[in-house]
Protein backbone atom coordinates (compact mmCIF):
# COMPACT_ATOMS: atom_id res chain seq x y z
CA MET A 1 -10.47 -19.93 11.08
CA CYS A 2 -9.83 -23.18 8.62
CA THR A 3 -7.27 -25.72 10.66
CA VAL A 4 -7.98 -26.29 14.40
CA ALA A 5 -6.29 -28.82 16.93
CA PHE A 6 -6.40 -29.38 19.91
CA LEU A 7 -4.00 -31.07 22.30
CA PRO A 8 -3.63 -32.38 25.67
CA TYR A 9 -0.37 -32.65 27.28
CA LYS A 10 1.43 -33.15 30.20
CA ASN A 11 -1.47 -31.40 32.52
CA LYS A 12 -1.98 -28.58 30.32
CA PHE A 13 -4.39 -28.04 27.43
CA TYR A 14 -3.20 -26.55 24.12
CA PHE A 15 -5.27 -25.51 20.76
CA ALA A 16 -3.64 -24.23 17.37
CA SER A 17 -5.94 -22.22 14.60
CA LEU A 18 -4.75 -21.47 11.29
CA ARG A 19 -6.40 -18.66 9.37
CA ASP A 20 -6.65 -19.02 5.55
CA GLU A 21 -7.52 -16.06 3.97
CA SER A 22 -7.21 -13.27 1.56
CA PRO A 23 -4.10 -11.27 1.74
CA GLU A 24 -6.63 -8.38 0.31
CA ARG A 25 -8.78 -8.26 3.30
CA LYS A 26 -8.73 -5.66 5.85
CA LEU A 27 -5.40 -6.34 7.71
CA ALA A 28 -6.70 -7.78 11.25
CA LEU A 29 -5.43 -6.56 15.13
CA PRO A 30 -3.32 -8.95 16.97
CA PRO A 31 -4.89 -10.56 20.43
CA ALA A 32 -5.56 -7.91 23.15
CA ILE A 33 -7.72 -8.13 26.02
CA TYR A 34 -11.06 -6.48 26.01
CA ASN A 35 -13.13 -5.63 29.12
CA ILE A 36 -16.83 -5.92 27.32
CA ASP A 37 -19.90 -5.18 30.35
CA GLY A 38 -17.21 -6.80 32.70
CA ILE A 39 -16.30 -9.55 31.15
CA GLU A 40 -12.64 -10.03 30.09
CA VAL A 41 -11.76 -11.78 26.83
CA VAL A 42 -8.81 -11.73 24.80
CA ALA A 43 -8.74 -12.28 20.67
CA PRO A 44 -7.46 -10.95 17.55
CA LEU A 45 -10.38 -9.17 15.44
CA ASP A 46 -10.89 -9.24 11.49
CA GLY A 47 -10.13 -5.78 10.07
CA LEU A 48 -13.46 -5.87 7.98
CA ALA A 49 -16.02 -6.95 10.28
CA SER A 50 -14.84 -6.78 13.52
CA GLY A 51 -15.45 -9.81 14.45
CA THR A 52 -13.35 -12.75 15.74
CA TRP A 53 -12.06 -16.39 14.29
CA VAL A 54 -9.89 -17.43 17.87
CA GLY A 55 -10.50 -15.98 21.55
CA ALA A 56 -10.77 -17.08 25.23
CA SER A 57 -12.57 -15.18 27.88
CA CYS A 58 -11.86 -15.20 31.97
CA PHE A 59 -14.91 -18.06 32.36
CA GLY A 60 -11.87 -20.12 31.16
CA ASN A 61 -13.75 -20.90 27.71
CA ILE A 62 -11.89 -21.15 24.37
CA ILE A 63 -13.94 -20.67 21.25
CA ILE A 64 -12.31 -21.05 17.42
CA LEU A 65 -14.47 -20.62 14.37
CA LEU A 66 -14.32 -22.89 11.07
CA ASN A 67 -15.90 -21.95 8.07
CA GLY A 68 -18.22 -24.20 6.61
CA ALA A 69 -20.12 -27.23 8.10
CA PHE A 70 -20.05 -31.01 7.22
CA GLU A 71 -19.63 -30.36 3.34
CA ASN A 72 -18.64 -27.04 1.02
CA HIS A 73 -21.45 -25.05 0.47
CA ILE A 74 -22.87 -22.40 -2.41
CA ARG A 75 -22.54 -19.32 -0.94
CA GLY A 76 -24.92 -17.01 -0.95
CA SER A 77 -25.55 -13.15 -1.37
CA ASN A 78 -26.39 -11.81 1.40
CA TYR A 79 -25.90 -13.19 4.91
CA ARG A 80 -27.76 -11.21 8.01
CA LEU A 81 -24.88 -11.34 10.47
CA SER A 82 -20.64 -12.02 10.17
CA ARG A 83 -20.15 -15.68 11.53
CA GLY A 84 -17.01 -13.93 13.75
CA LEU A 85 -19.45 -11.83 15.38
CA ILE A 86 -21.13 -15.02 16.75
CA VAL A 87 -17.77 -16.12 17.73
CA LYS A 88 -17.43 -12.39 19.57
CA ALA A 89 -21.24 -12.83 20.99
CA LEU A 90 -20.33 -16.20 22.79
CA LEU A 91 -17.22 -15.30 24.36
CA LEU A 92 -19.12 -13.33 26.82
CA GLN A 93 -21.27 -16.34 28.02
CA GLU A 94 -19.84 -18.30 31.00
CA THR A 95 -21.53 -21.33 28.96
CA PRO A 96 -21.11 -20.66 25.54
CA VAL A 97 -23.08 -24.07 24.32
CA THR A 98 -26.27 -23.23 26.09
CA ALA A 99 -25.89 -19.54 24.47
CA TRP A 100 -25.25 -21.54 21.21
CA GLN A 101 -28.35 -23.78 21.45
CA GLN A 102 -30.53 -20.89 22.23
CA MET A 103 -29.69 -18.55 19.44
CA ASP A 104 -31.10 -18.26 15.76
CA PHE A 105 -28.56 -18.83 13.12
CA GLN A 106 -31.38 -18.47 10.14
CA LYS A 107 -29.69 -16.69 7.24
CA ILE A 108 -26.37 -16.94 8.83
CA GLU A 109 -23.79 -18.76 6.52
CA PRO A 110 -22.74 -22.51 7.47
CA PHE A 111 -19.81 -22.66 10.47
CA THR A 112 -18.35 -25.00 12.84
CA LEU A 113 -17.31 -23.90 16.37
CA VAL A 114 -14.60 -26.16 18.53
CA VAL A 115 -15.99 -24.60 21.69
CA TRP A 116 -13.71 -25.47 25.06
CA GLN A 117 -16.24 -25.39 28.14
CA GLN A 118 -15.54 -26.12 31.28
CA GLN A 119 -12.72 -28.61 30.87
CA GLN A 120 -15.18 -29.92 27.96
CA LEU A 121 -14.84 -30.12 24.19
CA TYR A 122 -17.19 -29.48 22.34
CA GLU A 123 -17.94 -29.43 17.90
CA LEU A 124 -20.76 -27.09 17.22
CA VAL A 125 -21.90 -27.00 14.05
CA TRP A 126 -24.72 -24.75 12.20
CA ASP A 127 -25.19 -26.50 8.06
CA GLY A 128 -27.42 -23.76 6.82
CA GLN A 129 -30.79 -25.49 8.09
CA GLN A 130 -29.99 -27.14 11.48
CA LYS A 131 -27.57 -27.43 14.50
CA HIS A 132 -25.44 -30.49 14.96
CA ASN A 133 -23.90 -30.75 18.77
CA GLN A 134 -20.95 -33.25 19.14
CA GLN A 135 -18.88 -34.04 22.34
CA PHE A 136 -15.37 -35.38 22.05
CA VAL A 137 -13.06 -37.24 24.71
CA ILE A 138 -10.35 -34.74 26.13
CA THR A 139 -7.25 -37.58 26.89
CA LYS A 140 -7.09 -37.37 22.80
CA PRO A 141 -5.84 -35.18 20.26
CA HIS A 142 -8.10 -33.86 17.96
CA ILE A 143 -7.87 -31.74 14.36
CA TRP A 144 -10.61 -30.01 11.95
CA SER A 145 -9.78 -28.51 8.47
CA SER A 146 -12.66 -26.40 7.31
CA SER A 147 -15.05 -27.88 4.61
CA THR A 148 -14.96 -24.76 2.19
CA LEU A 149 -11.46 -24.91 1.31
CA TYR A 150 -10.40 -28.87 2.03
CA ASN A 151 -12.56 -31.82 0.66
CA ALA A 152 -12.89 -35.25 2.25
CA ALA A 153 -9.74 -36.77 0.56
CA ALA A 154 -7.34 -33.85 2.06
CA LYS A 155 -9.26 -33.67 5.63
CA GLN A 156 -8.43 -37.25 5.57
CA GLN A 157 -4.57 -36.59 4.57
CA ARG A 158 -4.16 -33.81 7.19
CA HIS A 159 -5.61 -36.08 9.54
CA GLU A 160 -3.04 -38.85 9.41
CA ALA A 161 -0.47 -36.61 9.18
CA PHE A 162 -1.49 -35.24 12.09
CA GLN A 163 -2.06 -38.46 14.10
CA LYS A 164 1.82 -39.58 12.54
CA TRP A 165 3.21 -36.36 13.67
CA TRP A 166 1.11 -37.15 17.71
CA ALA A 167 2.50 -40.71 17.24
CA THR A 168 6.17 -39.63 17.47
CA GLU A 169 5.26 -37.62 21.18
CA PRO A 170 6.41 -34.21 20.18
CA ARG A 171 6.94 -32.27 22.89
CA VAL A 172 4.09 -29.65 22.78
CA SER A 173 4.74 -25.93 21.98
CA LYS A 174 3.92 -22.92 19.90
CA GLN A 175 7.41 -24.09 18.49
CA SER A 176 6.88 -27.56 17.76
CA MET A 177 3.22 -27.00 16.84
CA LEU A 178 4.07 -24.27 13.84
CA SER A 179 7.07 -26.74 12.69
CA PHE A 180 4.82 -29.65 11.93
CA PHE A 181 2.52 -27.40 10.07
CA GLN A 182 5.42 -26.41 8.20
CA SER A 183 6.82 -29.54 7.40
CA VAL A 184 3.96 -30.42 5.41
CA ALA A 185 5.04 -29.05 2.01
CA ASP A 186 1.85 -29.29 -0.03
CA GLN A 187 0.61 -25.05 -0.74
CA GLN A 188 -2.52 -26.38 -1.93
CA ASN A 189 -3.75 -28.91 1.06
CA GLY A 190 -0.96 -28.43 3.45
CA PHE A 191 -1.73 -26.51 6.74
CA LEU A 192 0.52 -23.32 5.61
CA ILE A 193 -1.37 -23.15 2.13
CA HIS A 194 -0.18 -20.37 -0.75
CA ARG A 195 -3.20 -21.20 -3.60
CA SER A 196 -3.28 -17.91 -5.04
CA PRO A 197 -3.07 -14.15 -4.47
CA LYS A 198 -6.34 -14.33 -2.62
CA MET A 199 -6.07 -17.27 -0.71
CA LYS A 200 -3.02 -18.24 1.53
CA THR A 201 -2.44 -18.55 5.45
CA LEU A 202 -2.24 -15.53 6.75
CA SER A 203 -1.62 -16.06 10.40
CA PHE A 204 -0.98 -18.84 13.46
CA THR A 205 -2.70 -18.71 16.83
CA PHE A 206 -1.67 -20.93 19.56
CA LEU A 207 -3.38 -20.94 22.94
CA THR A 208 -2.80 -22.63 26.03
CA GLN A 209 -4.51 -23.57 28.90
CA ASP A 210 -3.62 -24.38 32.66
CA ALA A 211 -5.60 -24.63 35.87
CA ALA A 212 -5.28 -20.43 36.09
CA THR A 213 -4.45 -19.01 33.01
CA THR A 214 -4.85 -18.91 29.15
CA SER A 215 -2.02 -17.70 27.11
CA CYS A 216 -2.99 -16.27 23.53
CA TYR A 217 0.37 -16.69 21.19
CA TYR A 218 -0.24 -14.77 17.74
CA HIS A 219 1.86 -15.10 14.16
CA ASP A 220 0.95 -12.76 12.15
CA PHE A 221 2.45 -14.60 9.02
CA LEU A 222 1.42 -11.14 6.21
CA ILE A 223 3.44 -8.79 8.20
CA GLY A 224 5.44 -11.16 10.10
CA THR A 225 5.09 -9.97 13.93
CA CYS A 226 4.28 -11.97 16.83
CA SER A 227 2.54 -11.51 20.33
CA THR A 228 1.50 -13.03 23.56
CA GLN A 229 -1.22 -12.02 25.80
CA GLN A 230 -2.33 -13.55 28.89
CA LEU A 231 -5.61 -13.97 30.45
CA PHE A 232 -6.54 -14.78 34.25
CA THR A 233 -9.44 -17.34 34.34
CA ARG A 234 -12.57 -16.51 37.12
CA GLN A 235 -12.76 -20.15 37.87
CA LEU A 236 -10.36 -22.39 38.27
CA PHE A 237 -10.83 -25.95 37.10
CA ILE A 238 -8.86 -28.69 38.74
CA VAL A 239 -6.79 -29.94 35.54
CA PRO A 240 -6.59 -33.66 35.63
């Protein structure tokens, strides 16, 4: 939930998510396919609040969470709902961007969502006071870094490293994406971080979407396991 990348490549679309969290947090469950009120979603589940930070739905939508908004914030002592539960709820919506616009986020900690809906890419931000909605071009790659862990200088360094890697015209896959993340040897502000016993990168999620399916690959660094789940979409979109 602290690094997200979007990559368009050879008639497919790819998303990568790195989760930076305390290893002392209750172990997350690997991605599984859940049928909730007739809606199929694939997502890992947080072991503490049972929400999620990344997932896809049978509608062809993908939602990935980053903690924080545009800048780091002072964390409050009490919030009424986990942000991971918001992601879980939005995955059940055919048009999550519309649903997000209608939701009340008062007393919810600031967050950013990267949303893929009907082959359109959105950044949805709740800054603690108001909502912000931005749409991105889907023919270019993008990368996001959580404001709770990375300041403006660190974000710029990560962006430049990502763009430099993309300029090499890599063959995009879960292996090449993970190799890139591993190539930046900076445990404080790189991609796979290990800042302290209570803050490190715990997992890598890689989603691949074509016209009919979304594949979710999950690598749990903490226990060293990998798994893949495939979800078929109800609506078939023509990939340009």
